[in-house]
C-alpha atoms as a PDB file:
ATOM      1  CA  MET A   1      66.582  50.264 112.453  1.00  0.00           C
ATOM      2  CA  THR A   2      68.524  47.968 114.721  1.00  0.00           C
ATOM      3  CA  THR A   3      70.429  45.115 113.125  1.00  0.00           C
ATOM      4  CA  LYS A   4      70.291  41.658 114.689  1.00  0.00           C
ATOM      5  CA  ALA A   5      73.956  41.939 115.646  1.00  0.00           C
ATOM      6  CA  LYS A   6      73.439  45.308 117.395  1.00  0.00           C
ATOM      7  CA  PHE A   7      70.362  43.973 119.165  1.00  0.00           C
ATOM      8  CA  ALA A   8      72.273  40.902 120.363  1.00  0.00           C
ATOM      9  CA  GLN A   9      75.121  43.112 121.613  1.00  0.00           C
ATOM     10  CA  LYS A  10      72.760  45.435 123.519  1.00  0.00           C
ATOM     11  CA  LEU A  11      70.805  42.485 124.913  1.00  0.00           C
ATOM     12  CA  HIS A  12      74.042  41.018 126.243  1.00  0.00           C
ATOM     13  CA  GLU A  13      74.964  44.377 127.859  1.00  0.00           C
ATOM     14  CA  VAL A  14      71.595  44.610 129.600  1.00  0.00           C
ATOM     15  CA  VAL A  15      71.350  41.056 130.937  1.00  0.00           C
ATOM     16  CA  LYS A  16      75.055  40.435 131.650  1.00  0.00           C
ATOM     17  CA  PRO A  17      74.825  41.296 135.387  1.00  0.00           C
ATOM     18  CA  TYR A  18      71.879  38.921 135.844  1.00  0.00           C
ATOM     19  CA  CYS A  19      72.522  36.048 133.452  1.00  0.00           C
ATOM     20  CA  LYS A  20      75.695  34.091 134.084  1.00  0.00           C
ATOM     21  CA  ALA A  21      74.570  30.874 132.383  1.00  0.00           C
ATOM     22  CA  GLU A  22      74.402  30.269 128.653  1.00  0.00           C
ATOM     23  CA  TRP A  23      70.584  30.111 128.762  1.00  0.00           C
ATOM     24  CA  CYS A  24      68.722  32.794 130.713  1.00  0.00           C
ATOM     25  CA  LEU A  25      64.995  33.329 131.262  1.00  0.00           C
ATOM     26  CA  LEU A  26      65.374  37.129 131.337  1.00  0.00           C
ATOM     27  CA  LYS A  27      67.151  37.066 127.994  1.00  0.00           C
ATOM     28  CA  GLU A  28      64.464  34.843 126.488  1.00  0.00           C
ATOM     29  CA  ILE A  29      61.688  37.137 127.726  1.00  0.00           C
ATOM     30  CA  LEU A  30      63.382  40.200 126.257  1.00  0.00           C
ATOM     31  CA  VAL A  31      64.077  38.470 122.945  1.00  0.00           C
ATOM     32  CA  CYS A  32      60.440  37.392 122.646  1.00  0.00           C
ATOM     33  CA  SER A  33      58.935  40.717 123.653  1.00  0.00           C
ATOM     34  CA  HIS A  34      61.282  43.261 122.026  1.00  0.00           C
ATOM     35  CA  SER A  35      63.623  43.539 119.109  1.00  0.00           C
ATOM     36  CA  ASP A  36      64.723  47.140 119.542  1.00  0.00           C
ATOM     37  CA  ALA A  37      68.139  47.912 121.011  1.00  0.00           C
ATOM     38  CA  ARG A  38      66.944  51.436 121.863  1.00  0.00           C
ATOM     39  CA  PHE A  39      64.347  50.016 124.250  1.00  0.00           C
ATOM     40  CA  LEU A  40      66.948  47.821 125.952  1.00  0.00           C
ATOM     41  CA  VAL A  41      69.369  50.703 126.418  1.00  0.00           C
ATOM     42  CA  GLN A  42      66.680  52.938 127.879  1.00  0.00           C
ATOM     43  CA  LEU A  43      65.542  50.125 130.178  1.00  0.00           C
ATOM     44  CA  LYS A  44      69.100  49.815 131.464  1.00  0.00           C
ATOM     45  CA  CYS A  45      69.334  53.590 131.959  1.00  0.00           C
ATOM     46  CA  VAL A  46      66.099  53.619 133.978  1.00  0.00           C
ATOM     47  CA  GLU A  47      67.452  50.728 136.044  1.00  0.00           C
ATOM     48  CA  HIS A  48      70.597  52.725 136.783  1.00  0.00           C
ATOM     49  CA  TYR A  49      68.472  55.750 137.713  1.00  0.00           C
ATOM     50  CA  LYS A  50      66.304  53.534 139.953  1.00  0.00           C
ATOM     51  CA  PHE A  51      69.409  52.359 141.787  1.00  0.00           C
ATOM     52  CA  GLU A  52      70.700  55.899 142.328  1.00  0.00           C
ATOM     53  CA  LEU A  53      67.280  57.226 143.355  1.00  0.00           C
ATOM     54  CA  SER A  54      66.895  54.329 145.800  1.00  0.00           C
ATOM     55  CA  GLN A  55      70.308  55.133 147.297  1.00  0.00           C
ATOM     56  CA  ILE A  56      69.286  58.758 147.843  1.00  0.00           C
ATOM     57  CA  MET A  57      65.903  57.821 149.340  1.00  0.00           C
ATOM     58  CA  GLY A  58      67.336  55.071 151.530  1.00  0.00           C
ATOM     59  CA  ASN A  59      64.990  52.378 150.228  1.00  0.00           C
ATOM     60  CA  ASP A  60      63.975  50.723 146.952  1.00  0.00           C
ATOM     61  CA  VAL A  61      61.752  53.262 145.199  1.00  0.00           C
ATOM     62  CA  GLY A  62      60.449  50.693 142.696  1.00  0.00           C
ATOM     63  CA  TRP A  63      60.141  50.632 138.942  1.00  0.00           C
ATOM     64  CA  GLU A  64      56.927  52.661 138.730  1.00  0.00           C
ATOM     65  CA  THR A  65      58.374  55.604 140.663  1.00  0.00           C
ATOM     66  CA  SER A  66      61.672  55.411 138.807  1.00  0.00           C
ATOM     67  CA  HIS A  67      59.958  55.377 135.441  1.00  0.00           C
ATOM     68  CA  SER A  68      57.671  58.270 136.371  1.00  0.00           C
ATOM     69  CA  GLU A  69      60.596  60.331 137.632  1.00  0.00           C
ATOM     70  CA  TRP A  70      62.561  59.424 134.489  1.00  0.00           C
ATOM     71  CA  VAL A  71      59.849  60.913 132.296  1.00  0.00           C
ATOM     72  CA  ILE A  72      58.785  63.868 134.487  1.00  0.00           C
ATOM     73  CA  GLY A  73      62.395  64.837 135.268  1.00  0.00           C
ATOM     74  CA  GLY A  74      63.249  65.174 131.573  1.00  0.00           C
ATOM     75  CA  PHE A  75      65.548  62.163 131.461  1.00  0.00           C
ATOM     76  CA  ALA A  76      63.510  60.445 128.724  1.00  0.00           C
ATOM     77  CA  LYS A  77      63.738  63.550 126.548  1.00  0.00           C
ATOM     78  CA  LYS A  78      67.494  63.675 127.073  1.00  0.00           C
ATOM     79  CA  PHE A  79      67.698  59.968 126.262  1.00  0.00           C
ATOM     80  CA  ALA A  80      66.124  60.698 122.882  1.00  0.00           C
ATOM     81  CA  GLU A  81      68.805  63.346 122.268  1.00  0.00           C
ATOM     82  CA  TYR A  82      71.784  61.233 123.310  1.00  0.00           C
ATOM     83  CA  TYR A  83      70.846  57.723 122.216  1.00  0.00           C
ATOM     84  CA  ASN A  84      73.239  56.269 119.680  1.00  0.00           C
ATOM     85  CA  GLU A  85      73.526  52.593 118.759  1.00  0.00           C
ATOM     86  CA  ASP A  86      77.292  52.758 119.141  1.00  0.00           C
ATOM     87  CA  LEU A  87      77.153  53.844 122.805  1.00  0.00           C
ATOM     88  CA  THR A  88      76.631  51.561 125.772  1.00  0.00           C
ATOM     89  CA  ALA A  89      73.782  52.183 128.176  1.00  0.00           C
ATOM     90  CA  GLU A  90      76.275  53.489 130.738  1.00  0.00           C
ATOM     91  CA  GLN A  91      77.730  55.971 128.255  1.00  0.00           C
ATOM     92  CA  VAL A  92      74.275  57.269 127.350  1.00  0.00           C
ATOM     93  CA  TYR A  93      73.316  57.475 131.035  1.00  0.00           C
ATOM     94  CA  GLU A  94      76.470  59.445 131.879  1.00  0.00           C
ATOM     95  CA  LYS A  95      75.693  61.998 129.152  1.00  0.00           C
ATOM     96  CA  ILE A  96      72.111  62.397 130.398  1.00  0.00           C
ATOM     97  CA  ILE A  97      73.093  62.813 134.049  1.00  0.00           C
ATOM     98  CA  LYS A  98      75.874  65.262 133.221  1.00  0.00           C
ATOM     99  CA  ASP A  99      73.542  67.374 131.055  1.00  0.00           C
ATOM    100  CA  ILE A 100      70.709  67.442 133.598  1.00  0.00           C
ATOM    101  CA  HIS A 101      73.120  68.131 136.474  1.00  0.00           C
ATOM    102  CA  VAL A 102      74.657  71.094 134.624  1.00  0.00           C
ATOM    103  CA  LYS A 103      71.213  72.533 133.847  1.00  0.00           C
ATOM    104  CA  ARG A 104      70.150  72.242 137.489  1.00  0.00           C
ATOM    105  CA  ILE A 105      73.289  74.082 138.608  1.00  0.00           C
ATOM    106  CA  ILE A 106      72.645  76.870 136.085  1.00  0.00           C
ATOM    107  CA  LEU A 107      69.011  77.228 137.143  1.00  0.00           C
END
């Protein structure tokens, strides 16, 4: 189970690019709706995937498409394997992408 300190650290990692002020609506929404660092890390990973997928497609693919592709493409399963409270979202994402990329090359 996530400690309050770990949750606060992960929350800061997720909202840092968007919240520059001391008080932030996004942070308040996440604090009120979730208390699990695992959820926040996976949300950040899907956001990173959405950005990369949008770059490849040449337009914003949206959250629904990104989330669907995240699950169907096996990324969510890999997230479950690699998630660790001590890793940042970027570190987890790098492990997932590297693993899936290697498997696609082999196949």
